[in-house]
Amino acid sequence: MNETIEIKLDEADKQAMMTENRLSHEEIFSNVRKMKTFDEMLAKQMKDEEFKKEYEAIQPEMNEIRASVDARTSQEQ
């Protein structure tokens, strides 16, 4: 079984190297520029009513978490 895992990892490494070699630096940077920000992705997701409802439902808990993190962070400074 370990041999099978090692072979699959070797194949994955080879595939990654082949992909990396095929992409020029400009292609890589072009792909990075196309990446969306969190806000852009959230705005798209918020168009889905079910997602929006769940997202809004967890905001009170998220606010508590943010307040806790902020309080701990301010104590470290």
C-alpha atoms as a PDB file:
ATOM      1  CA  MET A   1       0.000   0.000   0.000  1.00  0.00           C
ATOM      2  CA  ASN A   2       2.815   2.433   0.795  1.00  0.00           C
ATOM      3  CA  GLU A   3       4.281   1.822  -2.652  1.00  0.00           C
ATOM      4  CA  THR A   4       0.962   2.820  -4.219  1.00  0.00           C
ATOM      5  CA  ILE A   5       0.882   6.050  -2.231  1.00  0.00           C
ATOM      6  CA  GLU A   6       4.480   6.861  -3.150  1.00  0.00           C
ATOM      7  CA  ILE A   7       3.809   6.184  -6.842  1.00  0.00           C
ATOM      8  CA  LYS A   8       0.745   8.437  -6.808  1.00  0.00           C
ATOM      9  CA  LEU A   9       2.740  11.207  -5.105  1.00  0.00           C
ATOM     10  CA  ASP A  10       5.530  10.837  -7.657  1.00  0.00           C
ATOM     11  CA  GLU A  11       2.983  11.108 -10.471  1.00  0.00           C
ATOM     12  CA  ALA A  12       1.428  14.188  -8.861  1.00  0.00           C
ATOM     13  CA  ASP A  13       4.871  15.774  -8.522  1.00  0.00           C
ATOM     14  CA  LYS A  14       5.592  15.063 -12.198  1.00  0.00           C
ATOM     15  CA  GLN A  15       2.254  16.585 -13.221  1.00  0.00           C
ATOM     16  CA  ALA A  16       2.920  19.683 -11.116  1.00  0.00           C
ATOM     17  CA  MET A  17       6.370  20.111 -12.662  1.00  0.00           C
ATOM     18  CA  MET A  18       4.984  19.684 -16.166  1.00  0.00           C
ATOM     19  CA  THR A  19       2.291  22.278 -15.510  1.00  0.00           C
ATOM     20  CA  GLU A  20       4.799  24.679 -13.967  1.00  0.00           C
ATOM     21  CA  ASN A  21       7.134  24.292 -16.938  1.00  0.00           C
ATOM     22  CA  ARG A  22       4.291  24.964 -19.387  1.00  0.00           C
ATOM     23  CA  LEU A  23       3.266  28.209 -17.756  1.00  0.00           C
ATOM     24  CA  SER A  24       5.414  31.248 -18.342  1.00  0.00           C
ATOM     25  CA  HIS A  25       5.809  33.831 -15.615  1.00  0.00           C
ATOM     26  CA  GLU A  26       3.517  36.146 -17.552  1.00  0.00           C
ATOM     27  CA  GLU A  27       0.808  33.489 -17.676  1.00  0.00           C
ATOM     28  CA  ILE A  28       1.117  32.927 -13.945  1.00  0.00           C
ATOM     29  CA  PHE A  29       0.875  36.659 -13.189  1.00  0.00           C
ATOM     30  CA  SER A  30      -2.028  36.978 -15.611  1.00  0.00           C
ATOM     31  CA  ASN A  31      -3.880  34.271 -13.673  1.00  0.00           C
ATOM     32  CA  VAL A  32      -3.125  36.021 -10.385  1.00  0.00           C
ATOM     33  CA  ARG A  33      -4.505  39.302 -11.727  1.00  0.00           C
ATOM     34  CA  LYS A  34      -7.743  37.503 -12.616  1.00  0.00           C
ATOM     35  CA  MET A  35      -8.213  36.291  -9.048  1.00  0.00           C
ATOM     36  CA  LYS A  36     -11.141  37.827  -7.263  1.00  0.00           C
ATOM     37  CA  THR A  37     -11.014  39.547  -3.930  1.00  0.00           C
ATOM     38  CA  PHE A  38     -13.019  38.250  -1.007  1.00  0.00           C
ATOM     39  CA  ASP A  39     -15.426  41.168  -1.382  1.00  0.00           C
ATOM     40  CA  GLU A  40     -16.000  40.366  -5.059  1.00  0.00           C
ATOM     41  CA  MET A  41     -16.668  36.714  -4.277  1.00  0.00           C
ATOM     42  CA  LEU A  42     -18.957  37.624  -1.377  1.00  0.00           C
ATOM     43  CA  ALA A  43     -20.941  40.050  -3.530  1.00  0.00           C
ATOM     44  CA  LYS A  44     -21.496  37.279  -6.082  1.00  0.00           C
ATOM     45  CA  GLN A  45     -22.528  34.797  -3.383  1.00  0.00           C
ATOM     46  CA  MET A  46     -24.910  37.308  -1.778  1.00  0.00           C
ATOM     47  CA  LYS A  47     -27.017  37.187  -4.945  1.00  0.00           C
ATOM     48  CA  ASP A  48     -28.012  33.662  -3.873  1.00  0.00           C
ATOM     49  CA  GLU A  49     -30.918  34.184  -1.457  1.00  0.00           C
ATOM     50  CA  GLU A  50     -30.247  30.992   0.512  1.00  0.00           C
ATOM     51  CA  PHE A  51     -26.579  31.903   0.985  1.00  0.00           C
ATOM     52  CA  LYS A  52     -27.503  35.476   1.936  1.00  0.00           C
ATOM     53  CA  LYS A  53     -29.981  34.270   4.551  1.00  0.00           C
ATOM     54  CA  GLU A  54     -27.416  31.931   6.167  1.00  0.00           C
ATOM     55  CA  TYR A  55     -24.636  34.526   5.981  1.00  0.00           C
ATOM     56  CA  GLU A  56     -26.777  37.133   7.695  1.00  0.00           C
ATOM     57  CA  ALA A  57     -27.903  34.607  10.323  1.00  0.00           C
ATOM     58  CA  ILE A  58     -24.319  33.996  11.493  1.00  0.00           C
ATOM     59  CA  GLN A  59     -23.330  37.663  11.688  1.00  0.00           C
ATOM     60  CA  PRO A  60     -24.154  38.120  15.419  1.00  0.00           C
ATOM     61  CA  GLU A  61     -21.847  35.201  16.262  1.00  0.00           C
ATOM     62  CA  MET A  62     -19.181  36.512  13.897  1.00  0.00           C
ATOM     63  CA  ASN A  63     -19.359  39.925  15.568  1.00  0.00           C
ATOM     64  CA  GLU A  64     -18.701  38.286  18.941  1.00  0.00           C
ATOM     65  CA  ILE A  65     -15.737  36.405  17.506  1.00  0.00           C
ATOM     66  CA  ARG A  66     -14.324  39.600  15.961  1.00  0.00           C
ATOM     67  CA  ALA A  67     -14.721  41.441  19.277  1.00  0.00           C
ATOM     68  CA  SER A  68     -12.938  38.638  21.117  1.00  0.00           C
ATOM     69  CA  VAL A  69     -10.065  38.613  18.616  1.00  0.00           C
ATOM     70  CA  ASP A  70      -9.783  42.413  18.764  1.00  0.00           C
ATOM     71  CA  ALA A  71      -9.690  42.343  22.577  1.00  0.00           C
ATOM     72  CA  ARG A  72      -6.947  39.712  22.617  1.00  0.00           C
ATOM     73  CA  THR A  73      -4.960  41.493  19.938  1.00  0.00           C
ATOM     74  CA  SER A  74      -5.115  44.806  21.782  1.00  0.00           C
ATOM     75  CA  GLN A  75      -3.812  43.104  24.962  1.00  0.00           C
ATOM     76  CA  GLU A  76      -0.744  41.837  23.106  1.00  0.00           C
ATOM     77  CA  GLN A  77       0.307  45.319  22.060  1.00  0.00           C
END
